[in-house]
């Protein structure tokens, strides 16, 4: 922020002059709203999930296109928990992308004969299998996507249905 400009919200958090304040004075605290917080870290297993929002296009470290997809678990102990997966649109790793697109009912997109439109993916249901990343015990990863037993739009399901 230029020196001659002032922003009231910025000043409340960082103080005037653009430097962070170390405390004291009339510093305003942060209020956490837990009303939409998920249930916490997901245990390894298979979960019914839906794509929460349209995927976002990104570039991998190697410069290949990929889409970051956000899933929300829809049932059970971890209902509402979020999981993320980056699906490759180019280069190696396309097997997971193909499996995912087939699982959510997009066979033409999985075959590469039709463009993937992010809004078409949003709201579709599938089963996701989650495990601890092989190289990092602090992170979970989705390693498999399968068709949802109630179809890509979910429908009414019960926890007693087999996967």
N, C-alpha and C. Protein backbone atom coordinates (compact mmCIF):
# COMPACT_ATOMS: atom_id res chain seq x y z
N UNK A 1 0.85 -1.16 0.00
CA UNK A 1 0.00 0.00 0.00
C UNK A 1 0.90 1.23 0.00
N UNK A 2 0.65 2.22 -0.87
CA UNK A 2 1.45 3.43 -0.88
C UNK A 2 1.40 4.14 0.46
N UNK A 3 2.48 4.83 0.78
CA UNK A 3 2.61 5.47 2.10
C UNK A 3 1.51 6.48 2.39
N UNK A 4 1.02 7.19 1.38
CA UNK A 4 0.05 8.25 1.63
C UNK A 4 -1.39 7.76 1.67
N UNK A 5 -1.64 6.47 1.43
CA UNK A 5 -2.99 5.92 1.49
C UNK A 5 -3.24 5.27 2.84
N UNK A 6 -4.51 5.29 3.27
CA UNK A 6 -4.87 4.65 4.52
C UNK A 6 -6.10 3.79 4.29
N UNK A 7 -6.13 2.63 4.89
CA UNK A 7 -7.25 1.72 4.81
C UNK A 7 -7.63 1.37 6.24
N UNK A 8 -8.86 1.70 6.62
CA UNK A 8 -9.29 1.52 8.01
C UNK A 8 -9.17 0.07 8.47
N UNK A 9 -9.61 -0.90 7.64
CA UNK A 9 -9.52 -2.30 8.02
C UNK A 9 -8.07 -2.74 8.15
N UNK A 10 -7.23 -2.31 7.22
CA UNK A 10 -5.81 -2.64 7.27
C UNK A 10 -5.19 -2.08 8.55
N UNK A 11 -5.53 -0.83 8.85
CA UNK A 11 -4.98 -0.18 10.05
C UNK A 11 -5.41 -0.88 11.33
N UNK A 12 -6.65 -1.40 11.35
CA UNK A 12 -7.12 -2.11 12.54
C UNK A 12 -6.28 -3.37 12.80
N UNK A 13 -5.91 -4.04 11.73
CA UNK A 13 -5.17 -5.29 11.86
C UNK A 13 -3.68 -5.05 12.06
N UNK A 14 -3.10 -4.20 11.20
CA UNK A 14 -1.64 -4.03 11.19
C UNK A 14 -1.16 -2.72 11.80
N UNK A 15 -2.07 -1.84 12.15
CA UNK A 15 -1.66 -0.55 12.68
C UNK A 15 -1.38 0.42 11.55
N UNK A 16 -1.36 1.69 11.85
CA UNK A 16 -1.06 2.67 10.82
C UNK A 16 0.44 2.67 10.56
N UNK A 17 0.82 3.02 9.38
CA UNK A 17 2.24 3.02 9.03
C UNK A 17 2.64 1.76 8.29
N UNK A 18 1.72 0.76 8.13
CA UNK A 18 2.01 -0.40 7.31
C UNK A 18 2.81 -1.48 7.98
N UNK A 19 3.11 -1.37 9.27
CA UNK A 19 3.88 -2.41 9.94
C UNK A 19 2.98 -3.16 10.91
N UNK A 20 3.22 -4.44 11.06
CA UNK A 20 2.43 -5.25 11.98
C UNK A 20 2.68 -4.80 13.41
N UNK A 21 1.61 -4.81 14.19
CA UNK A 21 1.76 -4.42 15.59
C UNK A 21 1.98 -5.65 16.43
N UNK A 22 2.78 -5.53 17.45
CA UNK A 22 3.12 -6.66 18.30
C UNK A 22 2.17 -6.88 19.44
N UNK A 23 1.13 -6.10 19.58
CA UNK A 23 0.17 -6.28 20.66
C UNK A 23 0.06 -5.02 21.49
N UNK A 24 -0.77 -5.11 22.51
CA UNK A 24 -0.96 -3.95 23.37
C UNK A 24 -1.87 -2.95 22.69
N UNK A 25 -2.10 -1.86 23.34
CA UNK A 25 -2.95 -0.81 22.77
C UNK A 25 -4.36 -1.31 22.58
N UNK A 26 -4.99 -0.83 21.53
CA UNK A 26 -6.38 -1.17 21.25
C UNK A 26 -6.49 -2.13 20.06
N UNK A 27 -5.63 -3.12 20.02
CA UNK A 27 -5.63 -4.07 18.92
C UNK A 27 -6.90 -4.90 18.93
N UNK A 28 -7.51 -5.03 17.77
CA UNK A 28 -8.73 -5.82 17.65
C UNK A 28 -8.36 -7.27 17.38
N UNK A 29 -9.02 -8.22 18.05
CA UNK A 29 -8.74 -9.64 17.87
C UNK A 29 -9.46 -10.22 16.68
N UNK A 30 -9.18 -11.47 16.38
CA UNK A 30 -9.82 -12.19 15.29
C UNK A 30 -10.90 -13.09 15.88
N UNK A 31 -12.06 -13.12 15.26
CA UNK A 31 -13.15 -13.98 15.69
C UNK A 31 -13.29 -15.13 14.72
N UNK A 32 -13.17 -16.35 15.21
CA UNK A 32 -13.33 -17.55 14.39
C UNK A 32 -14.78 -17.97 14.39
N UNK A 33 -15.32 -18.27 13.22
CA UNK A 33 -16.70 -18.73 13.09
C UNK A 33 -16.68 -20.23 12.77
N UNK A 34 -16.92 -21.09 13.77
CA UNK A 34 -16.85 -22.54 13.55
C UNK A 34 -18.12 -23.15 12.95
N UNK A 35 -19.12 -22.32 12.60
CA UNK A 35 -20.41 -22.86 12.16
C UNK A 35 -20.32 -23.72 10.91
N UNK A 36 -19.35 -23.49 10.04
CA UNK A 36 -19.22 -24.29 8.84
C UNK A 36 -17.96 -25.14 8.82
N UNK A 37 -17.29 -25.24 9.95
CA UNK A 37 -16.06 -26.03 10.03
C UNK A 37 -16.39 -27.51 9.87
N UNK A 38 -15.55 -28.22 9.16
CA UNK A 38 -15.75 -29.65 8.95
C UNK A 38 -15.42 -30.44 10.19
N UNK A 39 -15.62 -31.76 10.13
CA UNK A 39 -15.44 -32.61 11.30
C UNK A 39 -13.98 -32.95 11.62
N UNK A 40 -13.04 -32.46 10.85
CA UNK A 40 -11.64 -32.75 11.13
C UNK A 40 -11.04 -33.68 10.10
N UNK A 41 -9.84 -34.14 10.39
CA UNK A 41 -9.09 -34.97 9.46
C UNK A 41 -9.82 -36.29 9.19
N UNK A 42 -9.86 -36.67 7.94
CA UNK A 42 -10.55 -37.87 7.50
C UNK A 42 -9.65 -39.08 7.68
N UNK A 43 -10.22 -40.15 8.20
CA UNK A 43 -9.47 -41.41 8.33
C UNK A 43 -9.40 -42.10 6.98
N UNK A 44 -8.37 -42.90 6.74
CA UNK A 44 -8.32 -43.66 5.48
C UNK A 44 -9.58 -44.51 5.31
N UNK A 45 -10.09 -44.55 4.09
CA UNK A 45 -11.29 -45.32 3.81
C UNK A 45 -11.95 -44.85 2.53
N UNK A 46 -13.11 -45.42 2.22
CA UNK A 46 -13.88 -45.04 1.05
C UNK A 46 -15.12 -44.30 1.50
N UNK A 47 -15.39 -43.16 0.84
CA UNK A 47 -16.47 -42.27 1.25
C UNK A 47 -17.32 -41.85 0.06
N UNK A 48 -18.61 -41.67 0.32
CA UNK A 48 -19.50 -41.07 -0.66
C UNK A 48 -19.20 -39.57 -0.65
N UNK A 49 -19.06 -39.00 -1.84
CA UNK A 49 -18.69 -37.59 -1.92
C UNK A 49 -19.32 -36.96 -3.15
N UNK A 50 -19.33 -35.63 -3.15
CA UNK A 50 -19.76 -34.90 -4.34
C UNK A 50 -18.75 -33.81 -4.61
N UNK A 51 -18.67 -33.41 -5.88
CA UNK A 51 -17.80 -32.31 -6.27
C UNK A 51 -18.49 -31.04 -5.79
N UNK A 52 -17.81 -30.32 -4.92
CA UNK A 52 -18.41 -29.18 -4.24
C UNK A 52 -18.54 -27.94 -5.11
N UNK A 53 -17.59 -27.71 -6.00
CA UNK A 53 -17.58 -26.51 -6.83
C UNK A 53 -16.89 -26.84 -8.15
N UNK A 54 -17.03 -25.97 -9.15
CA UNK A 54 -16.35 -26.26 -10.42
C UNK A 54 -14.84 -26.37 -10.21
N UNK A 55 -14.19 -27.34 -10.84
CA UNK A 55 -12.73 -27.46 -10.73
C UNK A 55 -12.03 -26.21 -11.27
N UNK A 56 -10.82 -25.99 -10.77
CA UNK A 56 -10.03 -24.83 -11.17
C UNK A 56 -8.83 -25.32 -11.97
N UNK A 57 -8.57 -24.69 -13.11
CA UNK A 57 -7.43 -25.07 -13.95
C UNK A 57 -6.14 -24.54 -13.31
N UNK A 58 -5.11 -25.37 -13.26
CA UNK A 58 -3.80 -25.01 -12.71
C UNK A 58 -2.71 -25.61 -13.58
N UNK A 59 -1.46 -25.24 -13.29
CA UNK A 59 -0.30 -25.82 -13.94
C UNK A 59 0.49 -26.63 -12.93
N UNK A 60 0.96 -27.80 -13.34
CA UNK A 60 1.81 -28.61 -12.46
C UNK A 60 3.20 -28.01 -12.44
N UNK A 61 4.06 -28.52 -11.56
CA UNK A 61 5.44 -28.05 -11.51
C UNK A 61 6.16 -28.30 -12.83
N UNK A 62 5.75 -29.32 -13.55
CA UNK A 62 6.36 -29.63 -14.85
C UNK A 62 5.74 -28.80 -15.98
N UNK A 63 4.75 -27.98 -15.66
CA UNK A 63 4.12 -27.13 -16.67
C UNK A 63 2.96 -27.76 -17.40
N UNK A 64 2.44 -28.90 -16.91
CA UNK A 64 1.29 -29.56 -17.52
C UNK A 64 -0.01 -29.05 -16.91
N UNK A 65 -1.05 -28.96 -17.76
CA UNK A 65 -2.35 -28.52 -17.27
C UNK A 65 -2.97 -29.57 -16.36
N UNK A 66 -3.66 -29.09 -15.32
CA UNK A 66 -4.38 -29.98 -14.42
C UNK A 66 -5.58 -29.22 -13.87
N UNK A 67 -6.51 -29.94 -13.25
CA UNK A 67 -7.65 -29.29 -12.62
C UNK A 67 -7.70 -29.71 -11.15
N UNK A 68 -7.81 -28.72 -10.29
CA UNK A 68 -7.93 -28.98 -8.85
C UNK A 68 -9.41 -29.10 -8.54
N UNK A 69 -9.78 -30.22 -7.95
CA UNK A 69 -11.18 -30.54 -7.68
C UNK A 69 -11.40 -30.66 -6.18
N UNK A 70 -12.47 -30.04 -5.69
CA UNK A 70 -12.82 -30.08 -4.27
C UNK A 70 -14.01 -31.00 -4.07
N UNK A 71 -13.84 -31.97 -3.18
CA UNK A 71 -14.90 -32.92 -2.84
C UNK A 71 -15.39 -32.67 -1.42
N UNK A 72 -16.68 -32.86 -1.19
CA UNK A 72 -17.25 -32.83 0.16
C UNK A 72 -17.81 -34.22 0.44
N UNK A 73 -17.42 -34.79 1.55
CA UNK A 73 -17.96 -36.09 1.96
C UNK A 73 -19.42 -35.88 2.35
N UNK A 74 -20.30 -36.75 1.88
CA UNK A 74 -21.75 -36.51 2.03
C UNK A 74 -22.44 -37.34 3.10
N UNK A 75 -21.74 -38.31 3.69
CA UNK A 75 -22.40 -39.15 4.69
C UNK A 75 -21.43 -39.58 5.78
N UNK A 76 -22.02 -40.03 6.87
CA UNK A 76 -21.23 -40.67 7.92
C UNK A 76 -20.52 -39.70 8.85
N UNK A 77 -19.60 -40.26 9.58
CA UNK A 77 -18.84 -39.55 10.62
C UNK A 77 -18.12 -38.31 10.10
N UNK A 78 -17.69 -38.34 8.84
CA UNK A 78 -16.92 -37.23 8.27
C UNK A 78 -17.74 -36.38 7.29
N UNK A 79 -19.07 -36.46 7.39
CA UNK A 79 -19.93 -35.66 6.52
C UNK A 79 -19.53 -34.19 6.59
N UNK A 80 -19.35 -33.58 5.44
CA UNK A 80 -18.97 -32.17 5.38
C UNK A 80 -17.48 -31.93 5.25
N UNK A 81 -16.66 -32.95 5.54
CA UNK A 81 -15.21 -32.79 5.42
C UNK A 81 -14.84 -32.63 3.95
N UNK A 82 -13.82 -31.83 3.70
CA UNK A 82 -13.37 -31.56 2.34
C UNK A 82 -12.10 -32.32 2.02
N UNK A 83 -12.00 -32.76 0.79
CA UNK A 83 -10.80 -33.39 0.26
C UNK A 83 -10.54 -32.78 -1.11
N UNK A 84 -9.26 -32.73 -1.51
CA UNK A 84 -8.89 -32.14 -2.79
C UNK A 84 -8.08 -33.13 -3.60
N UNK A 85 -8.20 -33.03 -4.92
CA UNK A 85 -7.42 -33.86 -5.83
C UNK A 85 -7.11 -33.03 -7.07
N UNK A 86 -5.87 -33.11 -7.51
CA UNK A 86 -5.48 -32.48 -8.77
C UNK A 86 -5.45 -33.57 -9.84
N UNK A 87 -6.24 -33.38 -10.88
CA UNK A 87 -6.32 -34.33 -11.98
C UNK A 87 -5.57 -33.75 -13.17
N UNK A 88 -4.65 -34.53 -13.71
CA UNK A 88 -3.83 -34.10 -14.83
C UNK A 88 -4.65 -34.05 -16.12
N UNK A 89 -4.50 -32.98 -16.88
CA UNK A 89 -5.15 -32.84 -18.17
C UNK A 89 -4.18 -33.07 -19.32
N UNK A 90 -2.89 -33.16 -18.97
CA UNK A 90 -1.82 -33.44 -19.93
C UNK A 90 -0.76 -34.25 -19.22
N UNK A 91 0.06 -34.91 -20.00
CA UNK A 91 1.21 -35.60 -19.42
C UNK A 91 0.83 -36.84 -18.62
N UNK A 92 1.78 -37.29 -17.82
CA UNK A 92 1.57 -38.50 -17.01
C UNK A 92 0.52 -38.24 -15.93
N UNK A 93 -0.07 -39.29 -15.48
CA UNK A 93 -1.08 -39.16 -14.42
C UNK A 93 -2.49 -39.10 -14.94
N UNK A 94 -2.68 -39.22 -16.25
CA UNK A 94 -4.01 -39.14 -16.83
C UNK A 94 -4.92 -40.31 -16.49
N UNK A 95 -4.37 -41.41 -16.01
CA UNK A 95 -5.19 -42.57 -15.65
C UNK A 95 -6.20 -42.20 -14.58
N UNK A 96 -5.78 -41.42 -13.57
CA UNK A 96 -6.69 -41.00 -12.49
C UNK A 96 -7.77 -40.07 -13.03
N UNK A 97 -7.40 -39.22 -13.97
CA UNK A 97 -8.37 -38.29 -14.56
C UNK A 97 -9.43 -39.07 -15.33
N UNK A 98 -9.00 -40.03 -16.12
CA UNK A 98 -9.93 -40.85 -16.89
C UNK A 98 -10.87 -41.61 -15.96
N UNK A 99 -10.33 -42.22 -14.92
CA UNK A 99 -11.13 -42.96 -13.94
C UNK A 99 -12.17 -42.04 -13.29
N UNK A 100 -11.76 -40.85 -12.91
CA UNK A 100 -12.66 -39.88 -12.27
C UNK A 100 -13.78 -39.47 -13.22
N UNK A 101 -13.43 -39.09 -14.45
CA UNK A 101 -14.44 -38.64 -15.41
C UNK A 101 -15.44 -39.75 -15.74
N UNK A 102 -14.97 -40.98 -15.84
CA UNK A 102 -15.88 -42.11 -16.06
C UNK A 102 -16.78 -42.32 -14.85
N UNK A 103 -16.21 -42.19 -13.65
CA UNK A 103 -16.98 -42.41 -12.42
C UNK A 103 -18.11 -41.40 -12.26
N UNK A 104 -17.91 -40.18 -12.75
CA UNK A 104 -18.95 -39.16 -12.61
C UNK A 104 -19.82 -39.04 -13.86
N UNK A 105 -19.73 -40.04 -14.75
CA UNK A 105 -20.63 -40.11 -15.90
C UNK A 105 -20.28 -39.21 -17.07
N UNK A 106 -19.00 -38.99 -17.31
CA UNK A 106 -18.57 -38.18 -18.45
C UNK A 106 -17.64 -39.00 -19.36
N UNK A 107 -18.19 -40.02 -20.06
CA UNK A 107 -17.34 -40.91 -20.86
C UNK A 107 -16.67 -40.23 -22.05
N UNK A 108 -17.34 -39.28 -22.69
CA UNK A 108 -16.73 -38.60 -23.84
C UNK A 108 -15.54 -37.75 -23.39
N UNK A 109 -15.69 -37.09 -22.26
CA UNK A 109 -14.60 -36.28 -21.71
C UNK A 109 -13.45 -37.19 -21.30
N UNK A 110 -13.78 -38.37 -20.76
CA UNK A 110 -12.75 -39.34 -20.35
C UNK A 110 -11.99 -39.88 -21.56
N UNK A 111 -12.64 -39.95 -22.71
CA UNK A 111 -12.01 -40.44 -23.93
C UNK A 111 -11.24 -39.32 -24.64
N UNK A 112 -11.41 -38.09 -24.19
CA UNK A 112 -10.72 -36.96 -24.82
C UNK A 112 -11.38 -36.47 -26.08
N UNK A 113 -12.64 -36.88 -26.32
CA UNK A 113 -13.34 -36.46 -27.53
C UNK A 113 -14.26 -35.27 -27.32
N UNK A 114 -14.40 -34.82 -26.07
CA UNK A 114 -15.26 -33.69 -25.75
C UNK A 114 -14.58 -32.86 -24.67
N UNK A 115 -14.68 -31.53 -24.78
CA UNK A 115 -14.07 -30.64 -23.79
C UNK A 115 -14.73 -30.82 -22.43
N UNK A 116 -13.93 -30.64 -21.40
CA UNK A 116 -14.43 -30.69 -20.02
C UNK A 116 -14.86 -29.29 -19.62
N UNK A 117 -16.11 -29.14 -19.24
CA UNK A 117 -16.61 -27.85 -18.76
C UNK A 117 -16.76 -27.94 -17.25
N UNK A 118 -16.03 -27.11 -16.50
CA UNK A 118 -16.04 -27.22 -15.04
C UNK A 118 -17.42 -27.24 -14.40
N UNK A 119 -18.36 -26.44 -14.92
CA UNK A 119 -19.70 -26.41 -14.32
C UNK A 119 -20.42 -27.75 -14.45
N UNK A 120 -20.06 -28.56 -15.47
CA UNK A 120 -20.70 -29.88 -15.64
C UNK A 120 -20.25 -30.85 -14.57
N UNK A 121 -19.08 -30.61 -13.99
CA UNK A 121 -18.53 -31.51 -12.97
C UNK A 121 -19.11 -31.20 -11.59
N UNK A 122 -19.39 -29.94 -11.36
CA UNK A 122 -19.90 -29.51 -10.04
C UNK A 122 -21.19 -30.25 -9.69
N UNK A 123 -21.26 -30.75 -8.45
CA UNK A 123 -22.47 -31.40 -7.95
C UNK A 123 -22.56 -32.89 -8.23
N UNK A 124 -21.66 -33.42 -9.04
CA UNK A 124 -21.71 -34.85 -9.35
C UNK A 124 -21.15 -35.66 -8.18
N UNK A 125 -21.70 -36.85 -8.01
CA UNK A 125 -21.34 -37.72 -6.89
C UNK A 125 -20.45 -38.86 -7.36
N UNK A 126 -19.61 -39.34 -6.45
CA UNK A 126 -18.78 -40.51 -6.69
C UNK A 126 -18.31 -41.05 -5.34
N UNK A 127 -17.61 -42.14 -5.37
CA UNK A 127 -16.97 -42.68 -4.18
C UNK A 127 -15.50 -42.30 -4.26
N UNK A 128 -14.95 -41.78 -3.17
CA UNK A 128 -13.53 -41.46 -3.15
C UNK A 128 -12.85 -42.32 -2.10
N UNK A 129 -11.69 -42.83 -2.44
CA UNK A 129 -10.89 -43.59 -1.48
C UNK A 129 -9.73 -42.71 -1.04
N UNK A 130 -9.60 -42.57 0.27
CA UNK A 130 -8.61 -41.67 0.86
C UNK A 130 -7.59 -42.49 1.64
N UNK A 131 -6.33 -42.09 1.54
CA UNK A 131 -5.26 -42.72 2.31
C UNK A 131 -4.26 -41.64 2.71
N UNK A 132 -3.35 -41.99 3.59
CA UNK A 132 -2.27 -41.09 3.97
C UNK A 132 -1.27 -41.12 2.81
N UNK A 133 -0.79 -39.93 2.41
CA UNK A 133 0.19 -39.88 1.32
C UNK A 133 1.39 -40.75 1.63
N UNK A 134 1.89 -41.42 0.63
CA UNK A 134 3.02 -42.33 0.81
C UNK A 134 4.25 -41.64 1.37
N UNK A 135 4.53 -40.43 0.95
CA UNK A 135 5.76 -39.74 1.35
C UNK A 135 5.58 -38.75 2.49
N UNK A 136 4.35 -38.55 2.98
CA UNK A 136 4.14 -37.52 3.99
C UNK A 136 2.95 -37.90 4.87
N UNK A 137 3.22 -38.31 6.08
CA UNK A 137 2.17 -38.76 7.00
C UNK A 137 1.26 -37.62 7.46
N UNK A 138 1.59 -36.39 7.12
CA UNK A 138 0.76 -35.26 7.54
C UNK A 138 -0.35 -34.93 6.55
N UNK A 139 -0.39 -35.58 5.40
CA UNK A 139 -1.38 -35.24 4.38
C UNK A 139 -2.13 -36.47 3.90
N UNK A 140 -3.42 -36.26 3.63
CA UNK A 140 -4.27 -37.29 3.05
C UNK A 140 -4.29 -37.09 1.55
N UNK A 141 -4.61 -38.15 0.82
CA UNK A 141 -4.78 -38.01 -0.62
C UNK A 141 -5.91 -38.91 -1.09
N UNK A 142 -6.59 -38.45 -2.13
CA UNK A 142 -7.57 -39.28 -2.81
C UNK A 142 -6.79 -40.11 -3.82
N UNK A 143 -6.91 -41.42 -3.74
CA UNK A 143 -6.16 -42.26 -4.67
C UNK A 143 -7.06 -43.03 -5.62
N UNK A 144 -8.37 -42.95 -5.44
CA UNK A 144 -9.25 -43.68 -6.33
C UNK A 144 -10.63 -43.04 -6.33
N UNK A 145 -11.27 -43.00 -7.50
CA UNK A 145 -12.64 -42.54 -7.64
C UNK A 145 -13.43 -43.64 -8.35
N UNK A 146 -14.58 -43.95 -7.80
CA UNK A 146 -15.45 -44.98 -8.37
C UNK A 146 -16.85 -44.40 -8.51
N UNK A 147 -17.68 -45.02 -9.36
CA UNK A 147 -19.06 -44.55 -9.48
C UNK A 147 -19.81 -44.66 -8.16
N UNK A 148 -20.66 -43.70 -7.89
CA UNK A 148 -21.53 -43.70 -6.71
C UNK A 148 -22.65 -44.71 -6.96
N UNK A 149 -23.02 -45.52 -5.98
CA UNK A 149 -24.07 -46.53 -6.20
C UNK A 149 -25.42 -45.93 -6.55
N UNK A 150 -25.67 -44.67 -6.17
CA UNK A 150 -26.95 -44.03 -6.48
C UNK A 150 -26.88 -43.19 -7.75
N UNK A 151 -25.77 -43.25 -8.47
CA UNK A 151 -25.63 -42.48 -9.70
C UNK A 151 -24.90 -41.17 -9.50
N UNK A 152 -24.62 -40.49 -10.59
CA UNK A 152 -23.79 -39.28 -10.53
C UNK A 152 -24.45 -38.12 -9.82
N UNK A 153 -25.77 -38.15 -9.69
CA UNK A 153 -26.45 -37.07 -8.97
C UNK A 153 -26.82 -37.47 -7.55
N UNK A 154 -26.38 -38.63 -7.11
CA UNK A 154 -26.53 -39.04 -5.71
C UNK A 154 -27.88 -39.58 -5.37
N UNK A 155 -28.87 -38.75 -5.35
CA UNK A 155 -30.20 -39.19 -4.96
C UNK A 155 -30.26 -39.51 -3.49
N UNK A 156 -31.33 -40.15 -3.07
CA UNK A 156 -31.50 -40.56 -1.69
C UNK A 156 -30.71 -41.85 -1.45
N UNK A 157 -29.82 -41.82 -0.48
CA UNK A 157 -29.02 -43.00 -0.18
C UNK A 157 -29.07 -43.29 1.31
N UNK A 158 -28.67 -44.48 1.65
CA UNK A 158 -28.55 -44.81 3.06
C UNK A 158 -27.14 -45.35 3.30
N UNK A 159 -26.67 -45.20 4.51
CA UNK A 159 -25.32 -45.65 4.83
C UNK A 159 -25.19 -47.17 4.75
N UNK A 160 -26.32 -47.90 4.69
CA UNK A 160 -26.26 -49.36 4.66
C UNK A 160 -26.02 -49.93 3.27
N UNK A 161 -26.07 -49.08 2.23
CA UNK A 161 -25.84 -49.60 0.88
C UNK A 161 -24.38 -49.97 0.72
N UNK A 162 -24.10 -51.10 0.06
CA UNK A 162 -22.70 -51.50 -0.13
C UNK A 162 -22.00 -50.59 -1.13
N UNK A 163 -20.70 -50.51 -0.98
CA UNK A 163 -19.90 -49.76 -1.95
C UNK A 163 -19.60 -50.71 -3.07
